[in-house]
Amino acid sequence: MKKIFYGLLVAIILLTIGTLFVLDLNKKNDDDKKDKQKLEKIKVAEVAHTVFYAPQYVAKGLGFFEEEGLDIELILTPGADKVSAAVLSGDVQIGFSGSEACIYVYNAGEKDYLKTFAQLTQKDGSFLVSREKIDNFKLEDLKGKSVIGGRKGGMPEMTFEWALRQNGIDPVSDLDIDTSIAFAAMQGAFMGGQGDFVTLFEPNALQVEKQGFGYVVASIGELGGVVPYTSYSARISYIESHPEVIEKFTRAIQKGLDYVHNHSDEEVADAMLEFFPDTSLNDLTDVVKRYRDVDAWPKTTNFSEESFYHLQEIMKASGELEDTVSYQDLIYQKD
């Protein structure tokens, strides 16, 4: 009889504990939902998905946006022109792409044009990958070769061409640069046998190396110098009507930059691992180191007039820009 009594008692205790646990879990879920509902939803069109944007993924993964009261939805929108279109149409509130996009929109005569309010990277993030192993690579080794270079008018292609000219190489007559292949298809085209070289972002360049299809021989970022390479922008009307969102968003990105600069490669990789499920922690750590070594990430979201005008110098050299646009006209600065 005692055994039956104690058995029932234990069953009742376990049932009570289980019920309390479920109720507590439901309460936490309800609280999480309520907290989520309090956050302001912001859509961001990002031009590519790459480890190059590590501070952004760190900020999202570690909850820096939520700390600022924002719920950020990243929408992959390949091509800076398409990012600009998404922002101008109102499909998203914020665009993230090469800073040249704002210049193109401004020069097109758009009244409610885009202003840049924060930079995330300060150098080109692509690496030159060779099909053959080349020791002590020099840009002169590209003469007579074919290169998959990226979209004409895009920053990766323009920076590459500028670096070539700075080293006495004519991008038109000294080599063949293929600009017809879409950004997302460049890796596959190279692995399929097209081109002697290709410019790739990470983790794509490392994947090509790991699979034995090529070798990284140079950093385009090191060759191109400091520019506000990728940055966040929004329409003037949105910035003026939502200055607090811009400030909160910028603070979250700054937290991401601070984390990247104050933590190890592995810690940074681990903080954004969820955004790159097909890449191992070890590979991700290697890629973070590769970008850190070329000083890809700035210390602050602000960028100088000098770097902005260097960006336009690169654009002019590629024939994509005639007149220089004023820093004050396109860069949002809080009063």
C-alpha atoms as a PDB file:
ATOM      1  CA  MET A   1       0.000   0.000   0.000  1.00  0.00           C
ATOM      2  CA  LYS A   2       2.866   2.303   0.939  1.00  0.00           C
ATOM      3  CA  LYS A   3       4.532   1.598  -2.400  1.00  0.00           C
ATOM      4  CA  ILE A   4       1.345   2.601  -4.219  1.00  0.00           C
ATOM      5  CA  PHE A   5       1.059   5.781  -2.107  1.00  0.00           C
ATOM      6  CA  TYR A   6       4.674   6.814  -2.690  1.00  0.00           C
ATOM      7  CA  GLY A   7       4.335   6.009  -6.377  1.00  0.00           C
ATOM      8  CA  LEU A   8       1.291   8.261  -6.665  1.00  0.00           C
ATOM      9  CA  LEU A   9       3.055  10.986  -4.674  1.00  0.00           C
ATOM     10  CA  VAL A  10       6.095  10.900  -6.957  1.00  0.00           C
ATOM     11  CA  ALA A  11       3.844  10.950 -10.025  1.00  0.00           C
ATOM     12  CA  ILE A  12       1.951  13.978  -8.671  1.00  0.00           C
ATOM     13  CA  ILE A  13       5.215  15.820  -7.897  1.00  0.00           C
ATOM     14  CA  LEU A  14       6.629  15.099 -11.344  1.00  0.00           C
ATOM     15  CA  LEU A  15       3.369  16.153 -12.989  1.00  0.00           C
ATOM     16  CA  THR A  16       3.347  19.389 -10.975  1.00  0.00           C
ATOM     17  CA  ILE A  17       6.970  20.173 -11.893  1.00  0.00           C
ATOM     18  CA  GLY A  18       6.246  19.441 -15.550  1.00  0.00           C
ATOM     19  CA  THR A  19       3.155  21.639 -15.537  1.00  0.00           C
ATOM     20  CA  LEU A  20       5.052  24.520 -13.897  1.00  0.00           C
ATOM     21  CA  PHE A  21       7.876  24.135 -16.401  1.00  0.00           C
ATOM     22  CA  VAL A  22       5.479  24.259 -19.367  1.00  0.00           C
ATOM     23  CA  LEU A  23       3.670  27.283 -17.903  1.00  0.00           C
ATOM     24  CA  ASP A  24       6.959  29.062 -17.314  1.00  0.00           C
ATOM     25  CA  LEU A  25       8.127  28.229 -20.836  1.00  0.00           C
ATOM     26  CA  ASN A  26       4.872  29.522 -22.304  1.00  0.00           C
ATOM     27  CA  LYS A  27       5.213  32.699 -20.241  1.00  0.00           C
ATOM     28  CA  LYS A  28       8.743  33.224 -21.521  1.00  0.00           C
ATOM     29  CA  ASN A  29       7.601  32.668 -25.099  1.00  0.00           C
ATOM     30  CA  ASP A  30       4.749  35.147 -24.595  1.00  0.00           C
ATOM     31  CA  ASP A  31       7.199  37.658 -23.095  1.00  0.00           C
ATOM     32  CA  ASP A  32       9.573  37.150 -26.027  1.00  0.00           C
ATOM     33  CA  LYS A  33       6.732  37.732 -28.479  1.00  0.00           C
ATOM     34  CA  LYS A  34       5.706  40.896 -26.651  1.00  0.00           C
ATOM     35  CA  ASP A  35       9.297  42.146 -26.623  1.00  0.00           C
ATOM     36  CA  LYS A  36       9.560  41.374 -30.335  1.00  0.00           C
ATOM     37  CA  GLN A  37       6.365  43.293 -31.012  1.00  0.00           C
ATOM     38  CA  LYS A  38       7.853  46.345 -29.301  1.00  0.00           C
ATOM     39  CA  LEU A  39      10.792  46.419 -31.748  1.00  0.00           C
ATOM     40  CA  GLU A  40      10.566  48.583 -34.845  1.00  0.00           C
ATOM     41  CA  LYS A  41      10.713  46.463 -37.992  1.00  0.00           C
ATOM     42  CA  ILE A  42      13.294  47.656 -40.536  1.00  0.00           C
ATOM     43  CA  LYS A  43      13.951  46.033 -43.906  1.00  0.00           C
ATOM     44  CA  VAL A  44      17.476  46.211 -45.276  1.00  0.00           C
ATOM     45  CA  ALA A  45      18.409  45.290 -48.863  1.00  0.00           C
ATOM     46  CA  GLU A  46      21.942  43.863 -48.780  1.00  0.00           C
ATOM     47  CA  VAL A  47      23.898  43.615 -52.012  1.00  0.00           C
ATOM     48  CA  ALA A  48      25.604  40.295 -51.201  1.00  0.00           C
ATOM     49  CA  HIS A  49      25.978  37.669 -48.486  1.00  0.00           C
ATOM     50  CA  THR A  50      29.650  37.510 -47.561  1.00  0.00           C
ATOM     51  CA  VAL A  51      31.928  37.269 -44.530  1.00  0.00           C
ATOM     52  CA  PHE A  52      33.233  40.640 -45.697  1.00  0.00           C
ATOM     53  CA  TYR A  53      30.210  42.091 -43.881  1.00  0.00           C
ATOM     54  CA  ALA A  54      31.145  40.440 -40.583  1.00  0.00           C
ATOM     55  CA  PRO A  55      30.376  43.451 -38.320  1.00  0.00           C
ATOM     56  CA  GLN A  56      26.784  43.504 -39.604  1.00  0.00           C
ATOM     57  CA  TYR A  57      26.200  39.802 -38.939  1.00  0.00           C
ATOM     58  CA  VAL A  58      27.869  40.094 -35.535  1.00  0.00           C
ATOM     59  CA  ALA A  59      25.543  42.993 -34.682  1.00  0.00           C
ATOM     60  CA  LYS A  60      22.521  40.941 -35.687  1.00  0.00           C
ATOM     61  CA  GLY A  61      23.690  37.677 -34.147  1.00  0.00           C
ATOM     62  CA  LEU A  62      24.594  39.205 -30.780  1.00  0.00           C
ATOM     63  CA  GLY A  63      21.403  41.251 -30.531  1.00  0.00           C
ATOM     64  CA  PHE A  64      22.912  44.720 -30.919  1.00  0.00           C
ATOM     65  CA  PHE A  65      20.020  45.837 -33.124  1.00  0.00           C
ATOM     66  CA  GLU A  66      17.474  44.586 -30.611  1.00  0.00           C
ATOM     67  CA  GLU A  67      19.304  46.484 -27.874  1.00  0.00           C
ATOM     68  CA  GLU A  68      18.560  49.591 -29.918  1.00  0.00           C
ATOM     69  CA  GLY A  69      14.881  48.651 -30.317  1.00  0.00           C
ATOM     70  CA  LEU A  70      15.147  47.470 -33.920  1.00  0.00           C
ATOM     71  CA  ASP A  71      14.096  44.234 -35.598  1.00  0.00           C
ATOM     72  CA  ILE A  72      16.225  43.978 -38.745  1.00  0.00           C
ATOM     73  CA  GLU A  73      15.239  41.875 -41.745  1.00  0.00           C
ATOM     74  CA  LEU A  74      18.071  41.393 -44.254  1.00  0.00           C
ATOM     75  CA  ILE A  75      16.907  40.874 -47.826  1.00  0.00           C
ATOM     76  CA  LEU A  76      19.510  39.662 -50.311  1.00  0.00           C
ATOM     77  CA  THR A  77      19.331  41.983 -53.338  1.00  0.00           C
ATOM     78  CA  PRO A  78      22.233  41.245 -55.728  1.00  0.00           C
ATOM     79  CA  GLY A  79      23.549  44.343 -57.499  1.00  0.00           C
ATOM     80  CA  ALA A  80      23.946  47.875 -56.126  1.00  0.00           C
ATOM     81  CA  ASP A  81      21.531  49.152 -58.766  1.00  0.00           C
ATOM     82  CA  LYS A  82      18.853  46.768 -57.515  1.00  0.00           C
ATOM     83  CA  VAL A  83      19.512  47.785 -53.910  1.00  0.00           C
ATOM     84  CA  SER A  84      18.990  51.439 -54.872  1.00  0.00           C
ATOM     85  CA  ALA A  85      15.778  50.561 -56.706  1.00  0.00           C
ATOM     86  CA  ALA A  86      14.459  48.725 -53.638  1.00  0.00           C
ATOM     87  CA  VAL A  87      15.123  51.744 -51.425  1.00  0.00           C
ATOM     88  CA  LEU A  88      13.693  54.280 -53.877  1.00  0.00           C
ATOM     89  CA  SER A  89      10.532  52.226 -54.368  1.00  0.00           C
ATOM     90  CA  GLY A  90       9.954  51.972 -50.619  1.00  0.00           C
ATOM     91  CA  ASP A  91      10.208  48.172 -50.586  1.00  0.00           C
ATOM     92  CA  VAL A  92      12.940  48.552 -47.955  1.00  0.00           C
ATOM     93  CA  GLN A  93      13.893  51.399 -45.652  1.00  0.00           C
ATOM     94  CA  ILE A  94      17.677  50.999 -45.823  1.00  0.00           C
ATOM     95  CA  GLY A  95      20.033  49.934 -48.587  1.00  0.00           C
ATOM     96  CA  PHE A  96      23.434  48.330 -48.110  1.00  0.00           C
ATOM     97  CA  SER A  97      25.768  48.330 -51.100  1.00  0.00           C
ATOM     98  CA  GLY A  98      28.732  50.048 -52.665  1.00  0.00           C
ATOM     99  CA  SER A  99      28.755  53.782 -51.943  1.00  0.00           C
ATOM    100  CA  GLU A 100      28.868  54.467 -55.683  1.00  0.00           C
ATOM    101  CA  ALA A 101      25.145  53.650 -55.833  1.00  0.00           C
ATOM    102  CA  CYS A 102      24.226  56.921 -54.099  1.00  0.00           C
ATOM    103  CA  ILE A 103      26.336  58.862 -56.601  1.00  0.00           C
ATOM    104  CA  TYR A 104      24.583  57.225 -59.560  1.00  0.00           C
ATOM    105  CA  VAL A 105      21.141  57.998 -58.118  1.00  0.00           C
ATOM    106  CA  TYR A 106      22.098  61.605 -57.373  1.00  0.00           C
ATOM    107  CA  ASN A 107      23.492  62.177 -60.869  1.00  0.00           C
ATOM    108  CA  ALA A 108      20.337  60.694 -62.389  1.00  0.00           C
ATOM    109  CA  GLY A 109      18.400  63.680 -61.010  1.00  0.00           C
ATOM    110  CA  GLU A 110      16.338  61.840 -58.386  1.00  0.00           C
ATOM    111  CA  LYS A 111      14.749  64.456 -56.101  1.00  0.00           C
ATOM    112  CA  ASP A 112      14.338  62.181 -53.077  1.00  0.00           C
ATOM    113  CA  TYR A 113      17.820  60.797 -53.566  1.00  0.00           C
ATOM    114  CA  LEU A 114      19.858  58.550 -51.283  1.00  0.00           C
ATOM    115  CA  LYS A 115      22.262  59.677 -48.623  1.00  0.00           C
ATOM    116  CA  THR A 116      24.935  57.509 -47.054  1.00  0.00           C
ATOM    117  CA  PHE A 117      24.854  57.495 -43.256  1.00  0.00           C
ATOM    118  CA  ALA A 118      27.304  54.759 -42.173  1.00  0.00           C
ATOM    119  CA  GLN A 119      30.147  52.753 -43.668  1.00  0.00           C
ATOM    120  CA  LEU A 120      30.796  49.099 -42.839  1.00  0.00           C
ATOM    121  CA  THR A 121      33.903  48.337 -44.904  1.00  0.00           C
ATOM    122  CA  GLN A 122      36.790  50.550 -45.980  1.00  0.00           C
ATOM    123  CA  LYS A 123      38.450  48.470 -48.682  1.00  0.00           C
ATOM    124  CA  ASP A 124      37.481  46.234 -51.570  1.00  0.00           C
ATOM    125  CA  GLY A 125      36.640  42.821 -50.193  1.00  0.00           C
ATOM    126  CA  SER A 126      37.492  40.697 -53.211  1.00  0.00           C
ATOM    127  CA  PHE A 127      40.534  38.513 -53.762  1.00  0.00           C
ATOM    128  CA  LEU A 128      42.183  37.645 -57.049  1.00  0.00           C
ATOM    129  CA  VAL A 129      42.121  33.887 -57.593  1.00  0.00           C
ATOM    130  CA  SER A 130      44.424  32.200 -60.128  1.00  0.00           C
ATOM    131  CA  ARG A 131      43.720  28.888 -61.803  1.00  0.00           C
ATOM    132  CA  GLU A 132      47.411  28.048 -61.621  1.00  0.00           C
ATOM    133  CA  LYS A 133      49.693  28.341 -58.590  1.00  0.00           C
ATOM    134  CA  ILE A 134      51.908  31.407 -58.977  1.00  0.00           C
ATOM    135  CA  ASP A 135      54.732  32.131 -56.557  1.00  0.00           C
ATOM    136  CA  ASN A 136      55.583  35.814 -56.001  1.00  0.00           C
ATOM    137  CA  PHE A 137      52.593  36.966 -58.049  1.00  0.00           C
ATOM    138  CA  LYS A 138      52.780  40.395 -59.721  1.00  0.00           C
ATOM    139  CA  LEU A 139      50.015  42.211 -61.577  1.00  0.00           C
ATOM    140  CA  GLU A 140      52.164  41.968 -64.707  1.00  0.00           C
ATOM    141  CA  ASP A 141      51.366  38.246 -64.615  1.00  0.00           C
ATOM    142  CA  LEU A 142      47.850  39.166 -65.776  1.00  0.00           C
ATOM    143  CA  LYS A 143      49.020  40.405 -69.174  1.00  0.00           C
ATOM    144  CA  GLY A 144      47.538  38.328 -71.973  1.00  0.00           C
ATOM    145  CA  LYS A 145      45.245  36.492 -69.528  1.00  0.00           C
ATOM    146  CA  SER A 146      41.466  36.392 -69.116  1.00  0.00           C
ATOM    147  CA  VAL A 147      39.832  37.529 -65.867  1.00  0.00           C
ATOM    148  CA  ILE A 148      36.238  37.224 -64.670  1.00  0.00           C
ATOM    149  CA  GLY A 149      36.010  40.675 -63.154  1.00  0.00           C
ATOM    150  CA  GLY A 150      32.441  41.441 -62.129  1.00  0.00           C
ATOM    151  CA  ARG A 151      29.696  43.839 -63.203  1.00  0.00           C
ATOM    152  CA  LYS A 152      30.749  46.884 -65.231  1.00  0.00           C
ATOM    153  CA  GLY A 153      30.228  50.005 -63.120  1.00  0.00           C
ATOM    154  CA  GLY A 154      30.318  48.052 -59.864  1.00  0.00           C
ATOM    155  CA  MET A 155      32.955  48.809 -57.251  1.00  0.00           C
ATOM    156  CA  PRO A 156      34.773  45.434 -57.442  1.00  0.00           C
ATOM    157  CA  GLU A 157      35.378  45.828 -61.183  1.00  0.00           C
ATOM    158  CA  MET A 158      36.229  49.543 -61.006  1.00  0.00           C
ATOM    159  CA  THR A 159      38.681  49.034 -58.125  1.00  0.00           C
ATOM    160  CA  PHE A 160      40.365  46.191 -59.985  1.00  0.00           C
ATOM    161  CA  GLU A 161      40.753  48.315 -63.110  1.00  0.00           C
ATOM    162  CA  TRP A 162      42.082  51.258 -61.079  1.00  0.00           C
ATOM    163  CA  ALA A 163      44.723  49.034 -59.449  1.00  0.00           C
ATOM    164  CA  LEU A 164      45.798  47.794 -62.869  1.00  0.00           C
ATOM    165  CA  ARG A 165      46.197  51.344 -64.218  1.00  0.00           C
ATOM    166  CA  GLN A 166      48.156  52.372 -61.129  1.00  0.00           C
ATOM    167  CA  ASN A 167      50.608  49.621 -61.992  1.00  0.00           C
ATOM    168  CA  GLY A 168      50.951  50.542 -65.647  1.00  0.00           C
ATOM    169  CA  ILE A 169      48.582  47.902 -67.016  1.00  0.00           C
ATOM    170  CA  ASP A 170      45.844  48.809 -69.497  1.00  0.00           C
ATOM    171  CA  PRO A 171      42.604  46.969 -68.527  1.00  0.00           C
ATOM    172  CA  VAL A 172      41.461  47.046 -72.146  1.00  0.00           C
ATOM    173  CA  SER A 173      44.520  46.155 -74.217  1.00  0.00           C
ATOM    174  CA  ASP A 174      46.775  44.212 -71.825  1.00  0.00           C
ATOM    175  CA  LEU A 175      44.256  41.558 -70.733  1.00  0.00           C
ATOM    176  CA  ASP A 176      40.695  40.378 -71.277  1.00  0.00           C
ATOM    177  CA  ILE A 177      38.267  41.256 -68.459  1.00  0.00           C
ATOM    178  CA  ASP A 178      34.881  39.556 -68.699  1.00  0.00           C
ATOM    179  CA  THR A 179      32.161  41.752 -67.156  1.00  0.00           C
ATOM    180  CA  SER A 180      29.232  39.771 -68.552  1.00  0.00           C
ATOM    181  CA  ILE A 181      28.948  37.216 -65.751  1.00  0.00           C
ATOM    182  CA  ALA A 182      26.596  37.964 -62.854  1.00  0.00           C
ATOM    183  CA  PHE A 183      28.158  38.352 -59.414  1.00  0.00           C
ATOM    184  CA  ALA A 184      26.484  35.216 -58.017  1.00  0.00           C
ATOM    185  CA  ALA A 185      27.641  33.126 -60.986  1.00  0.00           C
ATOM    186  CA  MET A 186      31.329  34.110 -61.012  1.00  0.00           C
ATOM    187  CA  GLN A 187      32.554  31.292 -58.774  1.00  0.00           C
ATOM    188  CA  GLY A 188      30.650  28.637 -60.716  1.00  0.00           C
ATOM    189  CA  ALA A 189      31.851  29.998 -64.068  1.00  0.00           C
ATOM    190  CA  PHE A 190      35.468  29.874 -62.934  1.00  0.00           C
ATOM    191  CA  MET A 191      35.147  26.371 -61.501  1.00  0.00           C
ATOM    192  CA  GLY A 192      33.488  25.377 -64.771  1.00  0.00           C
ATOM    193  CA  GLY A 193      36.613  26.342 -66.695  1.00  0.00           C
ATOM    194  CA  GLN A 194      36.069  29.976 -67.684  1.00  0.00           C
ATOM    195  CA  GLY A 195      38.893  32.472 -67.202  1.00  0.00           C
ATOM    196  CA  ASP A 196      42.485  32.252 -66.031  1.00  0.00           C
ATOM    197  CA  PHE A 197      41.646  34.399 -62.999  1.00  0.00           C
ATOM    198  CA  VAL A 198      38.543  35.521 -61.107  1.00  0.00           C
ATOM    199  CA  THR A 199      37.852  38.109 -58.398  1.00  0.00           C
ATOM    200  CA  LEU A 200      35.867  36.590 -55.530  1.00  0.00           C
ATOM    201  CA  PHE A 201      34.645  37.591 -52.107  1.00  0.00           C
ATOM    202  CA  GLU A 202      34.785  35.298 -49.097  1.00  0.00           C
ATOM    203  CA  PRO A 203      33.967  32.582 -48.287  1.00  0.00           C
ATOM    204  CA  ASN A 204      33.832  31.866 -52.065  1.00  0.00           C
ATOM    205  CA  ALA A 205      37.568  32.362 -52.633  1.00  0.00           C
ATOM    206  CA  LEU A 206      38.419  29.952 -49.821  1.00  0.00           C
ATOM    207  CA  GLN A 207      35.919  27.398 -51.172  1.00  0.00           C
ATOM    208  CA  VAL A 208      37.617  27.496 -54.575  1.00  0.00           C
ATOM    209  CA  GLU A 209      40.978  26.909 -52.889  1.00  0.00           C
ATOM    210  CA  LYS A 210      39.656  24.094 -50.696  1.00  0.00           C
ATOM    211  CA  GLN A 211      38.195  22.316 -53.717  1.00  0.00           C
ATOM    212  CA  GLY A 212      41.445  22.593 -55.640  1.00  0.00           C
ATOM    213  CA  PHE A 213      40.189  24.872 -58.415  1.00  0.00           C
ATOM    214  CA  GLY A 214      42.445  27.855 -57.744  1.00  0.00           C
ATOM    215  CA  TYR A 215      44.780  29.854 -55.539  1.00  0.00           C
ATOM    216  CA  VAL A 216      44.359  33.289 -53.953  1.00  0.00           C
ATOM    217  CA  VAL A 217      47.252  35.430 -55.217  1.00  0.00           C
ATOM    218  CA  ALA A 218      46.288  39.005 -54.253  1.00  0.00           C
ATOM    219  CA  SER A 219      43.873  41.210 -52.303  1.00  0.00           C
ATOM    220  CA  ILE A 220      42.100  43.785 -54.462  1.00  0.00           C
ATOM    221  CA  GLY A 221      41.454  45.755 -51.267  1.00  0.00           C
ATOM    222  CA  GLU A 222      45.141  46.182 -50.558  1.00  0.00           C
ATOM    223  CA  LEU A 223      45.687  47.328 -54.136  1.00  0.00           C
ATOM    224  CA  GLY A 224      42.740  49.745 -54.183  1.00  0.00           C
ATOM    225  CA  GLY A 225      43.305  51.731 -51.001  1.00  0.00           C
ATOM    226  CA  VAL A 226      40.870  53.163 -48.450  1.00  0.00           C
ATOM    227  CA  VAL A 227      37.347  54.022 -49.658  1.00  0.00           C
ATOM    228  CA  PRO A 228      33.847  53.875 -48.122  1.00  0.00           C
ATOM    229  CA  TYR A 229      33.480  50.605 -50.000  1.00  0.00           C
ATOM    230  CA  THR A 230      30.155  49.346 -48.674  1.00  0.00           C
ATOM    231  CA  SER A 231      27.800  51.558 -46.729  1.00  0.00           C
ATOM    232  CA  TYR A 232      24.222  52.076 -45.615  1.00  0.00           C
ATOM    233  CA  SER A 233      21.933  54.591 -47.277  1.00  0.00           C
ATOM    234  CA  ALA A 234      18.356  55.782 -47.183  1.00  0.00           C
ATOM    235  CA  ARG A 235      16.152  58.317 -48.944  1.00  0.00           C
ATOM    236  CA  ILE A 236      16.426  61.905 -47.708  1.00  0.00           C
ATOM    237  CA  SER A 237      12.740  61.885 -46.807  1.00  0.00           C
ATOM    238  CA  TYR A 238      13.150  58.757 -44.661  1.00  0.00           C
ATOM    239  CA  ILE A 239      16.240  60.106 -42.894  1.00  0.00           C
ATOM    240  CA  GLU A 240      14.452  63.384 -42.115  1.00  0.00           C
ATOM    241  CA  SER A 241      11.309  61.676 -40.836  1.00  0.00           C
ATOM    242  CA  HIS A 242      13.088  58.866 -38.950  1.00  0.00           C
ATOM    243  CA  PRO A 243      16.353  60.324 -37.584  1.00  0.00           C
ATOM    244  CA  GLU A 244      16.053  58.191 -34.450  1.00  0.00           C
ATOM    245  CA  VAL A 245      16.011  54.974 -36.522  1.00  0.00           C
ATOM    246  CA  ILE A 246      19.124  56.073 -38.396  1.00  0.00           C
ATOM    247  CA  GLU A 247      20.886  56.842 -35.122  1.00  0.00           C
ATOM    248  CA  LYS A 248      19.870  53.531 -33.523  1.00  0.00           C
ATOM    249  CA  PHE A 249      20.885  51.559 -36.610  1.00  0.00           C
ATOM    250  CA  THR A 250      24.249  53.329 -36.745  1.00  0.00           C
ATOM    251  CA  ARG A 251      24.906  52.640 -33.058  1.00  0.00           C
ATOM    252  CA  ALA A 252      24.212  48.917 -33.582  1.00  0.00           C
ATOM    253  CA  ILE A 253      26.631  48.789 -36.509  1.00  0.00           C
ATOM    254  CA  GLN A 254      29.254  50.630 -34.444  1.00  0.00           C
ATOM    255  CA  LYS A 255      28.840  47.983 -31.738  1.00  0.00           C
ATOM    256  CA  GLY A 256      29.455  45.348 -34.407  1.00  0.00           C
ATOM    257  CA  LEU A 257      32.626  47.111 -35.545  1.00  0.00           C
ATOM    258  CA  ASP A 258      33.820  47.451 -31.953  1.00  0.00           C
ATOM    259  CA  TYR A 259      33.246  43.748 -31.328  1.00  0.00           C
ATOM    260  CA  VAL A 260      35.189  42.740 -34.438  1.00  0.00           C
ATOM    261  CA  HIS A 261      38.147  44.910 -33.456  1.00  0.00           C
ATOM    262  CA  ASN A 262      38.180  43.785 -29.825  1.00  0.00           C
ATOM    263  CA  HIS A 263      37.715  40.035 -30.197  1.00  0.00           C
ATOM    264  CA  SER A 264      39.653  37.170 -31.721  1.00  0.00           C
ATOM    265  CA  ASP A 265      39.082  35.813 -35.217  1.00  0.00           C
ATOM    266  CA  GLU A 266      37.441  32.701 -33.783  1.00  0.00           C
ATOM    267  CA  GLU A 267      35.134  34.703 -31.488  1.00  0.00           C
ATOM    268  CA  VAL A 268      34.028  36.856 -34.431  1.00  0.00           C
ATOM    269  CA  ALA A 269      33.492  33.759 -36.563  1.00  0.00           C
ATOM    270  CA  ASP A 270      31.466  32.064 -33.824  1.00  0.00           C
ATOM    271  CA  ALA A 271      29.277  35.165 -33.373  1.00  0.00           C
ATOM    272  CA  MET A 272      28.122  35.002 -37.003  1.00  0.00           C
ATOM    273  CA  LEU A 273      28.283  31.244 -37.608  1.00  0.00           C
ATOM    274  CA  GLU A 274      24.484  30.976 -37.842  1.00  0.00           C
ATOM    275  CA  PHE A 275      24.532  33.148 -40.973  1.00  0.00           C
ATOM    276  CA  PHE A 276      26.971  30.816 -42.763  1.00  0.00           C
ATOM    277  CA  PRO A 277      25.661  27.311 -41.997  1.00  0.00           C
ATOM    278  CA  ASP A 278      27.571  25.756 -44.909  1.00  0.00           C
ATOM    279  CA  THR A 279      30.932  27.059 -43.657  1.00  0.00           C
ATOM    280  CA  SER A 280      32.786  25.423 -40.762  1.00  0.00           C
ATOM    281  CA  LEU A 281      33.940  27.452 -37.766  1.00  0.00           C
ATOM    282  CA  ASN A 282      37.573  26.805 -38.734  1.00  0.00           C
ATOM    283  CA  ASP A 283      37.057  28.035 -42.305  1.00  0.00           C
ATOM    284  CA  LEU A 284      35.080  31.024 -41.108  1.00  0.00           C
ATOM    285  CA  THR A 285      37.875  31.872 -38.673  1.00  0.00           C
ATOM    286  CA  ASP A 286      40.418  31.713 -41.502  1.00  0.00           C
ATOM    287  CA  VAL A 287      38.324  34.064 -43.625  1.00  0.00           C
ATOM    288  CA  VAL A 288      37.905  36.564 -40.775  1.00  0.00           C
ATOM    289  CA  LYS A 289      41.689  36.572 -40.386  1.00  0.00           C
ATOM    290  CA  ARG A 290      42.125  37.107 -44.120  1.00  0.00           C
ATOM    291  CA  TYR A 291      39.919  40.207 -44.006  1.00  0.00           C
ATOM    292  CA  ARG A 292      41.497  41.468 -40.793  1.00  0.00           C
ATOM    293  CA  ASP A 293      44.948  41.158 -42.356  1.00  0.00           C
ATOM    294  CA  VAL A 294      43.993  43.559 -45.166  1.00  0.00           C
ATOM    295  CA  ASP A 295      42.362  46.003 -42.692  1.00  0.00           C
ATOM    296  CA  ALA A 296      38.966  45.640 -44.358  1.00  0.00           C
ATOM    297  CA  TRP A 297      36.896  47.025 -41.466  1.00  0.00           C
ATOM    298  CA  PRO A 298      37.035  50.636 -40.250  1.00  0.00           C
ATOM    299  CA  LYS A 299      37.086  51.599 -36.598  1.00  0.00           C
ATOM    300  CA  THR A 300      34.075  53.873 -37.031  1.00  0.00           C
ATOM    301  CA  THR A 301      30.973  54.195 -39.197  1.00  0.00           C
ATOM    302  CA  ASN A 302      32.078  57.713 -40.161  1.00  0.00           C
ATOM    303  CA  PHE A 303      34.341  58.141 -43.159  1.00  0.00           C
ATOM    304  CA  SER A 304      36.506  60.975 -44.393  1.00  0.00           C
ATOM    305  CA  GLU A 305      36.075  63.309 -47.323  1.00  0.00           C
ATOM    306  CA  GLU A 306      39.422  62.043 -48.600  1.00  0.00           C
ATOM    307  CA  SER A 307      38.172  58.461 -48.868  1.00  0.00           C
ATOM    308  CA  PHE A 308      34.919  59.602 -50.515  1.00  0.00           C
ATOM    309  CA  TYR A 309      36.802  61.551 -53.174  1.00  0.00           C
ATOM    310  CA  HIS A 310      39.173  58.632 -53.709  1.00  0.00           C
ATOM    311  CA  LEU A 311      36.087  56.530 -54.440  1.00  0.00           C
ATOM    312  CA  GLN A 312      35.115  59.016 -57.143  1.00  0.00           C
ATOM    313  CA  GLU A 313      38.672  59.031 -58.477  1.00  0.00           C
ATOM    314  CA  ILE A 314      38.312  55.283 -59.055  1.00  0.00           C
ATOM    315  CA  MET A 315      34.940  55.789 -60.754  1.00  0.00           C
ATOM    316  CA  LYS A 316      36.316  58.495 -63.049  1.00  0.00           C
ATOM    317  CA  ALA A 317      39.252  56.325 -64.070  1.00  0.00           C
ATOM    318  CA  SER A 318      36.766  53.648 -65.191  1.00  0.00           C
ATOM    319  CA  GLY A 319      34.769  56.162 -67.230  1.00  0.00           C
ATOM    320  CA  GLU A 320      31.694  55.802 -64.988  1.00  0.00           C
ATOM    321  CA  LEU A 321      31.733  59.338 -63.573  1.00  0.00           C
ATOM    322  CA  GLU A 322      32.342  62.752 -65.096  1.00  0.00           C
ATOM    323  CA  ASP A 323      31.762  65.360 -62.386  1.00  0.00           C
ATOM    324  CA  THR A 324      32.730  65.045 -58.741  1.00  0.00           C
ATOM    325  CA  VAL A 325      29.832  65.043 -56.268  1.00  0.00           C
ATOM    326  CA  SER A 326      30.209  66.986 -53.034  1.00  0.00           C
ATOM    327  CA  TYR A 327      30.763  65.050 -49.808  1.00  0.00           C
ATOM    328  CA  GLN A 328      28.246  67.357 -48.072  1.00  0.00           C
ATOM    329  CA  ASP A 329      25.547  66.565 -50.650  1.00  0.00           C
ATOM    330  CA  LEU A 330      25.569  62.786 -50.209  1.00  0.00           C
ATOM    331  CA  ILE A 331      26.790  62.096 -46.666  1.00  0.00           C
ATOM    332  CA  TYR A 332      24.291  62.367 -43.815  1.00  0.00           C
ATOM    333  CA  GLN A 333      25.751  63.939 -40.709  1.00  0.00           C
ATOM    334  CA  LYS A 334      23.784  64.445 -37.527  1.00  0.00           C
ATOM    335  CA  ASP A 335      23.506  68.117 -36.616  1.00  0.00           C
END
